[in-house]
């Protein structure tokens, strides 16, 4: 488990699964293209939706909740990194959202 930058996350978009653990109202304000939305409170019961063979990048608003999600996923056997700074940093860097 590691914290990665938004630029590193952007570079890995094709090879990694991006899991957005924010709440519905936050995701409605924009999300990373191709990301899978699983609110943190549902992650325990929905992590089976993820491919264990592909690395995961966890994302939230600022990087705190996604850090917790990363810990959960790693303990369940996934390869997962936390995107430091979250969507605030992603949007500040001018990276794409949908």
C-alpha atoms as a PDB file:
ATOM      1  CA  UNK A   1       0.000   0.000   0.000  1.00  0.00           C
ATOM      2  CA  UNK A   2       1.327   3.389  -0.986  1.00  0.00           C
ATOM      3  CA  UNK A   3       0.153   6.921  -1.492  1.00  0.00           C
ATOM      4  CA  UNK A   4       0.461   7.901  -5.133  1.00  0.00           C
ATOM      5  CA  UNK A   5       0.098  11.304  -6.766  1.00  0.00           C
ATOM      6  CA  UNK A   6      -2.769  12.291  -9.018  1.00  0.00           C
ATOM      7  CA  UNK A   7      -0.350  12.264 -11.958  1.00  0.00           C
ATOM      8  CA  UNK A   8       0.694   8.705 -11.142  1.00  0.00           C
ATOM      9  CA  UNK A   9      -2.975   7.715 -10.881  1.00  0.00           C
ATOM     10  CA  UNK A  10      -3.672   9.359 -14.234  1.00  0.00           C
ATOM     11  CA  UNK A  11      -0.796   7.429 -15.833  1.00  0.00           C
ATOM     12  CA  UNK A  12      -2.190   4.150 -14.450  1.00  0.00           C
ATOM     13  CA  UNK A  13      -5.808   4.674 -15.548  1.00  0.00           C
ATOM     14  CA  UNK A  14      -5.572   2.079 -18.331  1.00  0.00           C
ATOM     15  CA  UNK A  15      -4.085  -0.679 -16.178  1.00  0.00           C
ATOM     16  CA  UNK A  16      -5.682  -0.069 -12.769  1.00  0.00           C
ATOM     17  CA  UNK A  17      -9.208  -0.083 -11.413  1.00  0.00           C
ATOM     18  CA  UNK A  18     -10.118   3.244  -9.876  1.00  0.00           C
ATOM     19  CA  UNK A  19     -12.562   2.909  -6.992  1.00  0.00           C
ATOM     20  CA  UNK A  20     -14.285   6.078  -5.837  1.00  0.00           C
ATOM     21  CA  UNK A  21     -15.359   5.624  -2.209  1.00  0.00           C
ATOM     22  CA  UNK A  22     -17.141   8.982  -1.829  1.00  0.00           C
ATOM     23  CA  UNK A  23     -20.855   9.392  -1.167  1.00  0.00           C
ATOM     24  CA  UNK A  24     -23.404   9.808  -3.966  1.00  0.00           C
ATOM     25  CA  UNK A  25     -23.694  13.570  -3.510  1.00  0.00           C
ATOM     26  CA  UNK A  26     -19.913  13.981  -3.869  1.00  0.00           C
ATOM     27  CA  UNK A  27     -19.702  11.790  -6.969  1.00  0.00           C
ATOM     28  CA  UNK A  28     -22.481  13.855  -8.569  1.00  0.00           C
ATOM     29  CA  UNK A  29     -20.029  16.784  -8.601  1.00  0.00           C
ATOM     30  CA  UNK A  30     -17.651  14.886 -10.892  1.00  0.00           C
ATOM     31  CA  UNK A  31     -15.653  11.684 -10.926  1.00  0.00           C
ATOM     32  CA  UNK A  32     -12.687  10.166 -12.727  1.00  0.00           C
ATOM     33  CA  UNK A  33     -13.696   8.692 -16.110  1.00  0.00           C
ATOM     34  CA  UNK A  34     -14.030   4.911 -15.887  1.00  0.00           C
ATOM     35  CA  UNK A  35     -14.011   4.842 -12.093  1.00  0.00           C
ATOM     36  CA  UNK A  36     -16.233   2.472 -10.160  1.00  0.00           C
ATOM     37  CA  UNK A  37     -18.302   4.114  -7.438  1.00  0.00           C
ATOM     38  CA  UNK A  38     -18.496   2.066  -4.245  1.00  0.00           C
ATOM     39  CA  UNK A  39     -19.184   4.225  -1.170  1.00  0.00           C
ATOM     40  CA  UNK A  40     -16.827   3.391   1.684  1.00  0.00           C
ATOM     41  CA  UNK A  41     -19.691   2.084   3.820  1.00  0.00           C
ATOM     42  CA  UNK A  42     -20.505  -0.506   1.117  1.00  0.00           C
ATOM     43  CA  UNK A  43     -16.951  -1.536   0.283  1.00  0.00           C
ATOM     44  CA  UNK A  44     -16.904  -4.564   2.582  1.00  0.00           C
ATOM     45  CA  UNK A  45     -19.890  -6.180   0.861  1.00  0.00           C
ATOM     46  CA  UNK A  46     -19.107  -4.979  -2.677  1.00  0.00           C
ATOM     47  CA  UNK A  47     -15.370  -5.519  -3.029  1.00  0.00           C
ATOM     48  CA  UNK A  48     -16.156  -8.733  -4.922  1.00  0.00           C
ATOM     49  CA  UNK A  49     -17.060  -6.463  -7.868  1.00  0.00           C
ATOM     50  CA  UNK A  50     -13.336  -5.767  -8.259  1.00  0.00           C
ATOM     51  CA  UNK A  51     -10.941  -7.869 -10.318  1.00  0.00           C
ATOM     52  CA  UNK A  52      -8.318  -9.346  -7.967  1.00  0.00           C
ATOM     53  CA  UNK A  53      -5.898  -9.633 -10.895  1.00  0.00           C
ATOM     54  CA  UNK A  54      -5.757  -5.869 -11.520  1.00  0.00           C
ATOM     55  CA  UNK A  55      -4.339  -3.230  -9.189  1.00  0.00           C
ATOM     56  CA  UNK A  56      -6.768  -0.842  -7.514  1.00  0.00           C
ATOM     57  CA  UNK A  57      -6.455   2.883  -6.881  1.00  0.00           C
ATOM     58  CA  UNK A  58      -8.737   4.164  -4.118  1.00  0.00           C
ATOM     59  CA  UNK A  59     -10.060   7.724  -4.401  1.00  0.00           C
ATOM     60  CA  UNK A  60     -12.115   9.998  -2.154  1.00  0.00           C
ATOM     61  CA  UNK A  61     -12.466  13.756  -1.685  1.00  0.00           C
ATOM     62  CA  UNK A  62      -9.139  14.452   0.031  1.00  0.00           C
ATOM     63  CA  UNK A  63      -7.376  11.100   0.517  1.00  0.00           C
ATOM     64  CA  UNK A  64      -8.470  10.188   4.045  1.00  0.00           C
ATOM     65  CA  UNK A  65     -11.372   7.799   3.402  1.00  0.00           C
ATOM     66  CA  UNK A  66      -9.537   6.276   0.458  1.00  0.00           C
ATOM     67  CA  UNK A  67      -6.613   5.582   2.798  1.00  0.00           C
ATOM     68  CA  UNK A  68      -8.954   3.546   4.966  1.00  0.00           C
ATOM     69  CA  UNK A  69     -10.378   1.833   1.858  1.00  0.00           C
ATOM     70  CA  UNK A  70      -6.840   0.990   0.746  1.00  0.00           C
ATOM     71  CA  UNK A  71      -6.152  -0.676   4.095  1.00  0.00           C
ATOM     72  CA  UNK A  72      -9.369  -2.723   3.795  1.00  0.00           C
ATOM     73  CA  UNK A  73      -8.589  -3.813   0.248  1.00  0.00           C
ATOM     74  CA  UNK A  74      -4.982  -4.741   0.994  1.00  0.00           C
ATOM     75  CA  UNK A  75      -6.086  -6.790   4.008  1.00  0.00           C
ATOM     76  CA  UNK A  76      -8.529  -8.611   1.702  1.00  0.00           C
ATOM     77  CA  UNK A  77      -5.715  -9.507  -0.710  1.00  0.00           C
ATOM     78  CA  UNK A  78      -6.005  -6.756  -3.318  1.00  0.00           C
ATOM     79  CA  UNK A  79      -3.084  -4.707  -4.593  1.00  0.00           C
ATOM     80  CA  UNK A  80      -4.206  -1.166  -3.836  1.00  0.00           C
ATOM     81  CA  UNK A  81      -2.769   2.345  -3.681  1.00  0.00           C
ATOM     82  CA  UNK A  82      -4.301   5.484  -2.223  1.00  0.00           C
ATOM     83  CA  UNK A  83      -4.520   8.594  -4.406  1.00  0.00           C
ATOM     84  CA  UNK A  84      -3.120  11.310  -2.146  1.00  0.00           C
ATOM     85  CA  UNK A  85      -5.086  14.551  -2.148  1.00  0.00           C
ATOM     86  CA  UNK A  86      -8.174  12.870  -3.605  1.00  0.00           C
ATOM     87  CA  UNK A  87     -10.517  14.550  -6.037  1.00  0.00           C
ATOM     88  CA  UNK A  88      -9.549  17.970  -4.716  1.00  0.00           C
ATOM     89  CA  UNK A  89      -5.999  17.420  -5.990  1.00  0.00           C
ATOM     90  CA  UNK A  90      -7.223  15.721  -9.201  1.00  0.00           C
ATOM     91  CA  UNK A  91      -9.438  18.657 -10.114  1.00  0.00           C
ATOM     92  CA  UNK A  92      -6.786  21.215  -9.069  1.00  0.00           C
ATOM     93  CA  UNK A  93      -4.381  19.507 -11.493  1.00  0.00           C
ATOM     94  CA  UNK A  94      -6.920  19.970 -14.299  1.00  0.00           C
ATOM     95  CA  UNK A  95      -7.291  16.247 -14.922  1.00  0.00           C
ATOM     96  CA  UNK A  96     -10.456  14.950 -16.640  1.00  0.00           C
ATOM     97  CA  UNK A  97     -13.740  14.355 -14.841  1.00  0.00           C
ATOM     98  CA  UNK A  98     -17.171  13.246 -15.960  1.00  0.00           C
END
